[in-house]
Amino acid sequence: MVKMSIVWDRTAEFLSDNIAAVLPIALLTFFVPASIQGNFAAAMTGAGEGLKIVLYVLQLVFALVSLWGSLAITAMALDIATERSAANIATRRLVPALIVSIVMVVVASALVLPVPGILAFNGYDMAAMARNEDVNMSTGVAGFIVLYLLALVFVIVWLIARLIVATPVVVRESRVLSALGESWRLTRGSALRIVGVIILFAIVSWVAALAAKTVFGSIFALVAGNGDGVTLSSVMTSIVVAAVQSAFMVIPPVFTAKLYLALTAARFRQTEADA
């Protein structure tokens, strides 16, 4: 049985011992994109279609950059690469990791499809809802959708727990879609403990980012003023929030790598015991 406390200890130990190697990657692939992207919502206010398309494309580029950074940190946490060789491994495994990520997003999106299907079946105007227009929804339909979405949240979190080590499998074992099956096998019997870790981490990171945005946003608004669109206060707030987010974004690739190592070691011990 893999203890999450031991995995956390190994995660913290790796970060403390390798902060000098991890920090440049985190700054370039997490902090810089997040600090820029934090102003996109304000920049889209009143923007033309051309600018919106450019910003959407930049969001995709930033997502790829962040994925590359996660792969590099994962390679180092798996003890299969140094700082220089981690970049090469991340570059080689970027496309396979992207394919796995797209498949997971498609599956998650497919699970949400019943909601618009139910609305369309009951005669609601989907185009009007997409434009954020007020639509009178019956209590029965609204209640069913709420219950379905609540159940869907638990299902998605459980799926994330079962597939959480897919990225380390992609990096270390050079797999593609078979990494999902391997992650499913490795996490058998540990899903509930992993779910607890995911929920706790999500709550702590969300509260930290929200606190940074609220506190520093209020301070910067008082000092530099506030207004519509991109302002000095919004830029400074996005930088602070990006710094907090980047600190938390470094943790998942290290944790999943250490969890993968612990799970594979536990399976090896179980195989020897059965033999």
C-alpha atoms as a PDB file:
ATOM      1  CA  MET A   1       0.000   0.000   0.000  1.00  0.00           C
ATOM      2  CA  VAL A   2       1.315   3.415  -0.993  1.00  0.00           C
ATOM      3  CA  LYS A   3       1.080   6.095   1.700  1.00  0.00           C
ATOM      4  CA  MET A   4       0.327   9.562   0.385  1.00  0.00           C
ATOM      5  CA  SER A   5       2.281  11.126   3.244  1.00  0.00           C
ATOM      6  CA  ILE A   6       5.467   9.425   2.043  1.00  0.00           C
ATOM      7  CA  VAL A   7       4.845  10.611  -1.518  1.00  0.00           C
ATOM      8  CA  TRP A   8       4.361  14.166  -0.244  1.00  0.00           C
ATOM      9  CA  ASP A   9       7.592  13.943   1.747  1.00  0.00           C
ATOM     10  CA  ARG A  10       9.483  12.817  -1.355  1.00  0.00           C
ATOM     11  CA  THR A  11       7.859  15.630  -3.354  1.00  0.00           C
ATOM     12  CA  ALA A  12       8.928  18.240  -0.809  1.00  0.00           C
ATOM     13  CA  GLU A  13      12.429  16.748  -0.608  1.00  0.00           C
ATOM     14  CA  PHE A  14      12.880  16.882  -4.387  1.00  0.00           C
ATOM     15  CA  LEU A  15      11.709  20.496  -4.605  1.00  0.00           C
ATOM     16  CA  SER A  16      13.954  21.630  -1.773  1.00  0.00           C
ATOM     17  CA  ASP A  17      16.992  19.840  -3.248  1.00  0.00           C
ATOM     18  CA  ASN A  18      16.383  20.916  -6.854  1.00  0.00           C
ATOM     19  CA  ILE A  19      14.893  24.398  -6.534  1.00  0.00           C
ATOM     20  CA  ALA A  20      17.749  25.929  -8.542  1.00  0.00           C
ATOM     21  CA  ALA A  21      17.010  23.619 -11.493  1.00  0.00           C
ATOM     22  CA  VAL A  22      13.211  23.831 -11.265  1.00  0.00           C
ATOM     23  CA  LEU A  23      12.931  27.607 -10.798  1.00  0.00           C
ATOM     24  CA  PRO A  24      14.046  28.668 -14.336  1.00  0.00           C
ATOM     25  CA  ILE A  25      11.629  26.206 -15.931  1.00  0.00           C
ATOM     26  CA  ALA A  26       8.796  27.366 -13.688  1.00  0.00           C
ATOM     27  CA  LEU A  27       9.478  31.023 -14.442  1.00  0.00           C
ATOM     28  CA  LEU A  28       9.584  30.556 -18.220  1.00  0.00           C
ATOM     29  CA  THR A  29       6.780  28.024 -18.654  1.00  0.00           C
ATOM     30  CA  PHE A  30       4.394  28.768 -15.773  1.00  0.00           C
ATOM     31  CA  PHE A  31       4.919  32.298 -14.445  1.00  0.00           C
ATOM     32  CA  VAL A  32       5.428  34.241 -17.696  1.00  0.00           C
ATOM     33  CA  PRO A  33       2.429  32.692 -19.546  1.00  0.00           C
ATOM     34  CA  ALA A  34       0.178  33.000 -16.472  1.00  0.00           C
ATOM     35  CA  SER A  35       1.104  36.633 -15.833  1.00  0.00           C
ATOM     36  CA  ILE A  36       0.362  37.546 -19.464  1.00  0.00           C
ATOM     37  CA  GLN A  37      -2.738  35.392 -19.779  1.00  0.00           C
ATOM     38  CA  GLY A  38      -4.192  36.923 -16.624  1.00  0.00           C
ATOM     39  CA  ASN A  39      -4.952  40.073 -18.623  1.00  0.00           C
ATOM     40  CA  PHE A  40      -6.644  38.351 -21.543  1.00  0.00           C
ATOM     41  CA  ALA A  41     -10.161  38.586 -20.095  1.00  0.00           C
ATOM     42  CA  ALA A  42      -9.803  42.339 -19.644  1.00  0.00           C
ATOM     43  CA  ALA A  43      -8.196  42.710 -23.077  1.00  0.00           C
ATOM     44  CA  MET A  44     -11.164  40.962 -24.709  1.00  0.00           C
ATOM     45  CA  THR A  45     -13.578  43.545 -23.299  1.00  0.00           C
ATOM     46  CA  GLY A  46     -14.745  45.498 -26.334  1.00  0.00           C
ATOM     47  CA  ALA A  47     -12.067  43.899 -28.521  1.00  0.00           C
ATOM     48  CA  GLY A  48     -12.613  43.072 -32.170  1.00  0.00           C
ATOM     49  CA  GLU A  49     -12.874  39.548 -33.532  1.00  0.00           C
ATOM     50  CA  GLY A  50      -9.311  39.651 -34.867  1.00  0.00           C
ATOM     51  CA  LEU A  51      -7.811  40.436 -31.464  1.00  0.00           C
ATOM     52  CA  LYS A  52      -9.946  37.791 -29.785  1.00  0.00           C
ATOM     53  CA  ILE A  53      -8.685  35.150 -32.222  1.00  0.00           C
ATOM     54  CA  VAL A  54      -5.089  36.192 -31.541  1.00  0.00           C
ATOM     55  CA  LEU A  55      -5.653  35.928 -27.784  1.00  0.00           C
ATOM     56  CA  TYR A  56      -7.253  32.481 -28.148  1.00  0.00           C
ATOM     57  CA  VAL A  57      -4.275  31.305 -30.203  1.00  0.00           C
ATOM     58  CA  LEU A  58      -1.905  32.666 -27.565  1.00  0.00           C
ATOM     59  CA  GLN A  59      -3.817  30.746 -24.903  1.00  0.00           C
ATOM     60  CA  LEU A  60      -3.219  27.527 -26.838  1.00  0.00           C
ATOM     61  CA  VAL A  61       0.467  28.368 -27.230  1.00  0.00           C
ATOM     62  CA  PHE A  62       0.799  29.101 -23.516  1.00  0.00           C
ATOM     63  CA  ALA A  63      -0.925  25.792 -22.714  1.00  0.00           C
ATOM     64  CA  LEU A  64       1.649  23.947 -24.841  1.00  0.00           C
ATOM     65  CA  VAL A  65       4.495  25.836 -23.139  1.00  0.00           C
ATOM     66  CA  SER A  66       3.144  24.927 -19.700  1.00  0.00           C
ATOM     67  CA  LEU A  67       2.743  21.293 -20.745  1.00  0.00           C
ATOM     68  CA  TRP A  68       6.367  21.268 -21.921  1.00  0.00           C
ATOM     69  CA  GLY A  69       7.474  22.672 -18.566  1.00  0.00           C
ATOM     70  CA  SER A  70       5.504  20.011 -16.700  1.00  0.00           C
ATOM     71  CA  LEU A  71       7.118  17.279 -18.773  1.00  0.00           C
ATOM     72  CA  ALA A  72      10.610  18.642 -18.079  1.00  0.00           C
ATOM     73  CA  ILE A  73       9.977  18.779 -14.337  1.00  0.00           C
ATOM     74  CA  THR A  74       8.429  15.296 -14.451  1.00  0.00           C
ATOM     75  CA  ALA A  75      11.551  13.925 -16.137  1.00  0.00           C
ATOM     76  CA  MET A  76      13.761  15.397 -13.410  1.00  0.00           C
ATOM     77  CA  ALA A  77      11.483  14.126 -10.634  1.00  0.00           C
ATOM     78  CA  LEU A  78      11.622  10.623 -12.148  1.00  0.00           C
ATOM     79  CA  ASP A  79      15.433  10.743 -11.759  1.00  0.00           C
ATOM     80  CA  ILE A  80      15.947  10.007 -15.451  1.00  0.00           C
ATOM     81  CA  ALA A  81      17.244  13.425 -16.509  1.00  0.00           C
ATOM     82  CA  THR A  82      19.344  16.389 -15.509  1.00  0.00           C
ATOM     83  CA  GLU A  83      18.263  19.966 -16.126  1.00  0.00           C
ATOM     84  CA  ARG A  84      19.663  19.927 -19.679  1.00  0.00           C
ATOM     85  CA  SER A  85      18.522  16.465 -20.707  1.00  0.00           C
ATOM     86  CA  ALA A  86      15.071  17.109 -19.199  1.00  0.00           C
ATOM     87  CA  ALA A  87      14.467  19.733 -21.883  1.00  0.00           C
ATOM     88  CA  ASN A  88      15.274  17.204 -24.606  1.00  0.00           C
ATOM     89  CA  ILE A  89      12.996  14.584 -23.068  1.00  0.00           C
ATOM     90  CA  ALA A  90      10.171  17.113 -22.713  1.00  0.00           C
ATOM     91  CA  THR A  91      10.530  18.071 -26.373  1.00  0.00           C
ATOM     92  CA  ARG A  92      10.455  14.423 -27.520  1.00  0.00           C
ATOM     93  CA  ARG A  93       7.470  13.504 -25.364  1.00  0.00           C
ATOM     94  CA  LEU A  94       5.445  16.681 -25.981  1.00  0.00           C
ATOM     95  CA  VAL A  95       3.351  15.281 -28.835  1.00  0.00           C
ATOM     96  CA  PRO A  96       2.532  11.954 -27.094  1.00  0.00           C
ATOM     97  CA  ALA A  97       1.631  13.825 -23.890  1.00  0.00           C
ATOM     98  CA  LEU A  98      -0.519  16.226 -25.908  1.00  0.00           C
ATOM     99  CA  ILE A  99      -2.359  13.320 -27.529  1.00  0.00           C
ATOM    100  CA  VAL A 100      -3.065  11.785 -24.120  1.00  0.00           C
ATOM    101  CA  SER A 101      -4.269  15.140 -22.781  1.00  0.00           C
ATOM    102  CA  ILE A 102      -6.575  15.668 -25.764  1.00  0.00           C
ATOM    103  CA  VAL A 103      -8.104  12.208 -25.310  1.00  0.00           C
ATOM    104  CA  MET A 104      -8.769  12.933 -21.637  1.00  0.00           C
ATOM    105  CA  VAL A 105     -10.353  16.298 -22.467  1.00  0.00           C
ATOM    106  CA  VAL A 106     -12.531  14.697 -25.157  1.00  0.00           C
ATOM    107  CA  VAL A 107     -13.745  12.044 -22.703  1.00  0.00           C
ATOM    108  CA  ALA A 108     -14.531  14.688 -20.079  1.00  0.00           C
ATOM    109  CA  SER A 109     -16.346  16.793 -22.676  1.00  0.00           C
ATOM    110  CA  ALA A 110     -18.381  13.773 -23.791  1.00  0.00           C
ATOM    111  CA  LEU A 111     -19.572  13.304 -20.213  1.00  0.00           C
ATOM    112  CA  VAL A 112     -20.953  16.861 -20.257  1.00  0.00           C
ATOM    113  CA  LEU A 113     -22.854  16.414 -23.540  1.00  0.00           C
ATOM    114  CA  PRO A 114     -26.049  15.036 -21.904  1.00  0.00           C
ATOM    115  CA  VAL A 115     -26.681  18.475 -20.366  1.00  0.00           C
ATOM    116  CA  PRO A 116     -27.178  20.395 -23.637  1.00  0.00           C
ATOM    117  CA  GLY A 117     -28.914  17.304 -25.019  1.00  0.00           C
ATOM    118  CA  ILE A 118     -31.491  17.392 -22.226  1.00  0.00           C
ATOM    119  CA  LEU A 119     -32.007  21.138 -22.673  1.00  0.00           C
ATOM    120  CA  ALA A 120     -32.463  20.799 -26.429  1.00  0.00           C
ATOM    121  CA  PHE A 121     -34.846  17.841 -25.976  1.00  0.00           C
ATOM    122  CA  ASN A 122     -37.016  19.938 -23.661  1.00  0.00           C
ATOM    123  CA  GLY A 123     -37.218  22.746 -26.204  1.00  0.00           C
ATOM    124  CA  TYR A 124     -34.840  25.304 -24.694  1.00  0.00           C
ATOM    125  CA  ASP A 125     -33.083  27.759 -27.011  1.00  0.00           C
ATOM    126  CA  MET A 126     -29.407  26.770 -26.846  1.00  0.00           C
ATOM    127  CA  ALA A 127     -28.345  29.772 -28.945  1.00  0.00           C
ATOM    128  CA  ALA A 128     -29.968  32.153 -26.462  1.00  0.00           C
ATOM    129  CA  MET A 129     -28.292  30.400 -23.532  1.00  0.00           C
ATOM    130  CA  ALA A 130     -24.939  30.655 -25.314  1.00  0.00           C
ATOM    131  CA  ARG A 131     -25.481  34.420 -25.521  1.00  0.00           C
ATOM    132  CA  ASN A 132     -26.114  34.475 -21.731  1.00  0.00           C
ATOM    133  CA  GLU A 133     -29.719  35.502 -22.227  1.00  0.00           C
ATOM    134  CA  ASP A 134     -32.227  34.782 -19.453  1.00  0.00           C
ATOM    135  CA  VAL A 135     -34.056  31.498 -20.016  1.00  0.00           C
ATOM    136  CA  ASN A 136     -36.885  30.297 -17.794  1.00  0.00           C
ATOM    137  CA  MET A 137     -36.051  26.715 -16.847  1.00  0.00           C
ATOM    138  CA  SER A 138     -38.486  24.359 -15.154  1.00  0.00           C
ATOM    139  CA  THR A 139     -37.686  23.159 -11.648  1.00  0.00           C
ATOM    140  CA  GLY A 140     -37.563  19.542 -12.745  1.00  0.00           C
ATOM    141  CA  VAL A 141     -35.073  20.109 -15.541  1.00  0.00           C
ATOM    142  CA  ALA A 142     -32.928  22.439 -13.428  1.00  0.00           C
ATOM    143  CA  GLY A 143     -32.878  19.995 -10.514  1.00  0.00           C
ATOM    144  CA  PHE A 144     -31.911  17.073 -12.736  1.00  0.00           C
ATOM    145  CA  ILE A 145     -29.092  19.058 -14.344  1.00  0.00           C
ATOM    146  CA  VAL A 146     -27.745  20.153 -10.956  1.00  0.00           C
ATOM    147  CA  LEU A 147     -27.758  16.583  -9.659  1.00  0.00           C
ATOM    148  CA  TYR A 148     -26.133  15.320 -12.848  1.00  0.00           C
ATOM    149  CA  LEU A 149     -23.380  17.939 -12.695  1.00  0.00           C
ATOM    150  CA  LEU A 150     -22.693  17.179  -9.030  1.00  0.00           C
ATOM    151  CA  ALA A 151     -22.393  13.476  -9.836  1.00  0.00           C
ATOM    152  CA  LEU A 152     -20.245  14.350 -12.845  1.00  0.00           C
ATOM    153  CA  VAL A 153     -17.802  16.274 -10.660  1.00  0.00           C
ATOM    154  CA  PHE A 154     -17.222  13.194  -8.506  1.00  0.00           C
ATOM    155  CA  VAL A 155     -16.863  10.981 -11.592  1.00  0.00           C
ATOM    156  CA  ILE A 156     -14.313  13.301 -13.192  1.00  0.00           C
ATOM    157  CA  VAL A 157     -12.296  13.594  -9.977  1.00  0.00           C
ATOM    158  CA  TRP A 158     -12.275   9.797  -9.691  1.00  0.00           C
ATOM    159  CA  LEU A 159     -11.158   9.460 -13.326  1.00  0.00           C
ATOM    160  CA  ILE A 160      -8.385  11.999 -12.705  1.00  0.00           C
ATOM    161  CA  ALA A 161      -7.268   9.931  -9.725  1.00  0.00           C
ATOM    162  CA  ARG A 162      -7.125   6.747 -11.821  1.00  0.00           C
ATOM    163  CA  LEU A 163      -5.272   8.456 -14.695  1.00  0.00           C
ATOM    164  CA  ILE A 164      -3.069  10.735 -12.604  1.00  0.00           C
ATOM    165  CA  VAL A 165       0.212   8.968 -13.404  1.00  0.00           C
ATOM    166  CA  ALA A 166      -0.385   8.803 -17.162  1.00  0.00           C
ATOM    167  CA  THR A 167       2.086  11.632 -17.792  1.00  0.00           C
ATOM    168  CA  PRO A 168       4.959   9.971 -15.874  1.00  0.00           C
ATOM    169  CA  VAL A 169       4.241   6.783 -17.817  1.00  0.00           C
ATOM    170  CA  VAL A 170       4.445   8.746 -21.081  1.00  0.00           C
ATOM    171  CA  VAL A 171       7.753  10.306 -20.020  1.00  0.00           C
ATOM    172  CA  ARG A 172       9.500   7.270 -18.555  1.00  0.00           C
ATOM    173  CA  GLU A 173       8.081   4.405 -20.601  1.00  0.00           C
ATOM    174  CA  SER A 174       7.681   6.262 -23.923  1.00  0.00           C
ATOM    175  CA  ARG A 175       4.064   5.228 -24.272  1.00  0.00           C
ATOM    176  CA  VAL A 176       1.153   7.093 -25.815  1.00  0.00           C
ATOM    177  CA  LEU A 177      -2.463   5.987 -25.324  1.00  0.00           C
ATOM    178  CA  SER A 178      -1.404   2.806 -23.535  1.00  0.00           C
ATOM    179  CA  ALA A 179      -0.205   5.115 -20.735  1.00  0.00           C
ATOM    180  CA  LEU A 180      -3.846   5.562 -19.753  1.00  0.00           C
ATOM    181  CA  GLY A 181      -4.299   1.817 -19.272  1.00  0.00           C
ATOM    182  CA  GLU A 182      -1.050   1.542 -17.338  1.00  0.00           C
ATOM    183  CA  SER A 183      -2.091   4.378 -15.036  1.00  0.00           C
ATOM    184  CA  TRP A 184      -5.444   2.669 -14.519  1.00  0.00           C
ATOM    185  CA  ARG A 185      -3.688  -0.532 -13.445  1.00  0.00           C
ATOM    186  CA  LEU A 186      -1.161   1.197 -11.197  1.00  0.00           C
ATOM    187  CA  THR A 187      -3.746   3.221  -9.274  1.00  0.00           C
ATOM    188  CA  ARG A 188      -6.022   0.259  -8.592  1.00  0.00           C
ATOM    189  CA  GLY A 189      -6.697   0.212  -4.846  1.00  0.00           C
ATOM    190  CA  SER A 190      -5.272   3.719  -4.297  1.00  0.00           C
ATOM    191  CA  ALA A 191      -7.928   5.834  -6.020  1.00  0.00           C
ATOM    192  CA  LEU A 192      -9.737   7.014  -2.874  1.00  0.00           C
ATOM    193  CA  ARG A 193      -6.543   8.216  -1.209  1.00  0.00           C
ATOM    194  CA  ILE A 194      -5.547  10.010  -4.413  1.00  0.00           C
ATOM    195  CA  VAL A 195      -8.992  11.627  -4.611  1.00  0.00           C
ATOM    196  CA  GLY A 196      -8.462  13.029  -1.118  1.00  0.00           C
ATOM    197  CA  VAL A 197      -5.134  14.519  -2.168  1.00  0.00           C
ATOM    198  CA  ILE A 198      -6.648  16.043  -5.326  1.00  0.00           C
ATOM    199  CA  ILE A 199      -9.515  17.666  -3.415  1.00  0.00           C
ATOM    200  CA  LEU A 200      -7.219  19.038  -0.710  1.00  0.00           C
ATOM    201  CA  PHE A 201      -4.735  20.411  -3.238  1.00  0.00           C
ATOM    202  CA  ALA A 202      -7.503  21.979  -5.347  1.00  0.00           C
ATOM    203  CA  ILE A 203      -9.007  23.724  -2.316  1.00  0.00           C
ATOM    204  CA  VAL A 204      -5.686  25.054  -0.999  1.00  0.00           C
ATOM    205  CA  SER A 205      -4.474  26.296  -4.405  1.00  0.00           C
ATOM    206  CA  TRP A 206      -7.835  27.908  -5.202  1.00  0.00           C
ATOM    207  CA  VAL A 207      -8.008  29.686  -1.845  1.00  0.00           C
ATOM    208  CA  ALA A 208      -4.414  30.923  -2.197  1.00  0.00           C
ATOM    209  CA  ALA A 209      -5.007  32.301  -5.713  1.00  0.00           C
ATOM    210  CA  LEU A 210      -8.321  33.865  -4.699  1.00  0.00           C
ATOM    211  CA  ALA A 211      -6.748  35.478  -1.630  1.00  0.00           C
ATOM    212  CA  ALA A 212      -3.877  36.887  -3.697  1.00  0.00           C
ATOM    213  CA  LYS A 213      -6.275  38.288  -6.306  1.00  0.00           C
ATOM    214  CA  THR A 214      -8.624  39.787  -3.727  1.00  0.00           C
ATOM    215  CA  VAL A 215      -6.052  41.275  -1.345  1.00  0.00           C
ATOM    216  CA  PHE A 216      -3.476  42.521  -3.830  1.00  0.00           C
ATOM    217  CA  GLY A 217      -6.128  43.473  -6.368  1.00  0.00           C
ATOM    218  CA  SER A 218      -7.754  45.756  -3.808  1.00  0.00           C
ATOM    219  CA  ILE A 219      -4.410  47.287  -2.815  1.00  0.00           C
ATOM    220  CA  PHE A 220      -3.297  47.894  -6.390  1.00  0.00           C
ATOM    221  CA  ALA A 221      -6.714  49.339  -7.284  1.00  0.00           C
ATOM    222  CA  LEU A 222      -6.388  51.852  -4.440  1.00  0.00           C
ATOM    223  CA  VAL A 223      -2.823  52.770  -5.371  1.00  0.00           C
ATOM    224  CA  ALA A 224      -2.976  52.770  -9.186  1.00  0.00           C
ATOM    225  CA  GLY A 225      -6.691  53.148  -9.783  1.00  0.00           C
ATOM    226  CA  ASN A 226      -9.069  50.824 -11.555  1.00  0.00           C
ATOM    227  CA  GLY A 227     -11.007  50.855 -14.797  1.00  0.00           C
ATOM    228  CA  ASP A 228     -12.210  48.869 -17.775  1.00  0.00           C
ATOM    229  CA  GLY A 229      -9.795  46.865 -19.890  1.00  0.00           C
ATOM    230  CA  VAL A 230      -6.133  46.334 -19.123  1.00  0.00           C
ATOM    231  CA  THR A 231      -4.951  48.733 -16.407  1.00  0.00           C
ATOM    232  CA  LEU A 232      -1.826  49.082 -14.312  1.00  0.00           C
ATOM    233  CA  SER A 233      -3.586  47.610 -11.295  1.00  0.00           C
ATOM    234  CA  SER A 234      -4.871  44.617 -13.278  1.00  0.00           C
ATOM    235  CA  VAL A 235      -1.394  43.948 -14.696  1.00  0.00           C
ATOM    236  CA  MET A 236       0.221  44.065 -11.244  1.00  0.00           C
ATOM    237  CA  THR A 237      -2.531  41.854  -9.820  1.00  0.00           C
ATOM    238  CA  SER A 238      -2.084  39.281 -12.588  1.00  0.00           C
ATOM    239  CA  ILE A 239       1.665  39.173 -11.870  1.00  0.00           C
ATOM    240  CA  VAL A 240       1.104  38.440  -8.169  1.00  0.00           C
ATOM    241  CA  VAL A 241      -1.591  35.856  -8.896  1.00  0.00           C
ATOM    242  CA  ALA A 242       0.661  34.236 -11.520  1.00  0.00           C
ATOM    243  CA  ALA A 243       3.449  33.947  -8.950  1.00  0.00           C
ATOM    244  CA  VAL A 244       1.112  32.142  -6.533  1.00  0.00           C
ATOM    245  CA  GLN A 245      -0.272  29.904  -9.278  1.00  0.00           C
ATOM    246  CA  SER A 246       3.229  29.048 -10.519  1.00  0.00           C
ATOM    247  CA  ALA A 247       4.270  27.955  -7.038  1.00  0.00           C
ATOM    248  CA  PHE A 248       1.380  25.490  -6.990  1.00  0.00           C
ATOM    249  CA  MET A 249       1.823  24.417 -10.632  1.00  0.00           C
ATOM    250  CA  VAL A 250       5.293  23.081  -9.841  1.00  0.00           C
ATOM    251  CA  ILE A 251       3.870  20.601  -7.348  1.00  0.00           C
ATOM    252  CA  PRO A 252       1.646  18.311  -9.545  1.00  0.00           C
ATOM    253  CA  PRO A 253       4.371  17.095 -11.968  1.00  0.00           C
ATOM    254  CA  VAL A 254       6.701  16.307  -9.066  1.00  0.00           C
ATOM    255  CA  PHE A 255       3.977  14.650  -7.003  1.00  0.00           C
ATOM    256  CA  THR A 256       2.690  12.506  -9.875  1.00  0.00           C
ATOM    257  CA  ALA A 257       6.255  11.433 -10.720  1.00  0.00           C
ATOM    258  CA  LYS A 258       6.935  10.388  -7.125  1.00  0.00           C
ATOM    259  CA  LEU A 259       3.535   8.704  -6.945  1.00  0.00           C
ATOM    260  CA  TYR A 260       4.329   6.759 -10.126  1.00  0.00           C
ATOM    261  CA  LEU A 261       7.634   5.588  -8.664  1.00  0.00           C
ATOM    262  CA  ALA A 262       5.923   4.540  -5.430  1.00  0.00           C
ATOM    263  CA  LEU A 263       3.157   2.681  -7.263  1.00  0.00           C
ATOM    264  CA  THR A 264       5.553   0.825  -9.553  1.00  0.00           C
ATOM    265  CA  ALA A 265       7.718  -0.132  -6.573  1.00  0.00           C
ATOM    266  CA  ALA A 266       4.652  -1.391  -4.704  1.00  0.00           C
ATOM    267  CA  ARG A 267       3.547  -3.456  -7.712  1.00  0.00           C
ATOM    268  CA  PHE A 268       7.055  -4.920  -8.025  1.00  0.00           C
ATOM    269  CA  ARG A 269       7.034  -5.926  -4.352  1.00  0.00           C
ATOM    270  CA  GLN A 270       3.566  -7.467  -4.764  1.00  0.00           C
ATOM    271  CA  THR A 271       4.748  -9.428  -7.812  1.00  0.00           C
ATOM    272  CA  GLU A 272       7.733 -10.781  -5.884  1.00  0.00           C
ATOM    273  CA  ALA A 273       5.519 -11.688  -2.949  1.00  0.00           C
ATOM    274  CA  ASP A 274       3.091 -13.563  -5.204  1.00  0.00           C
ATOM    275  CA  ALA A 275       5.990 -15.407  -6.850  1.00  0.00           C
END
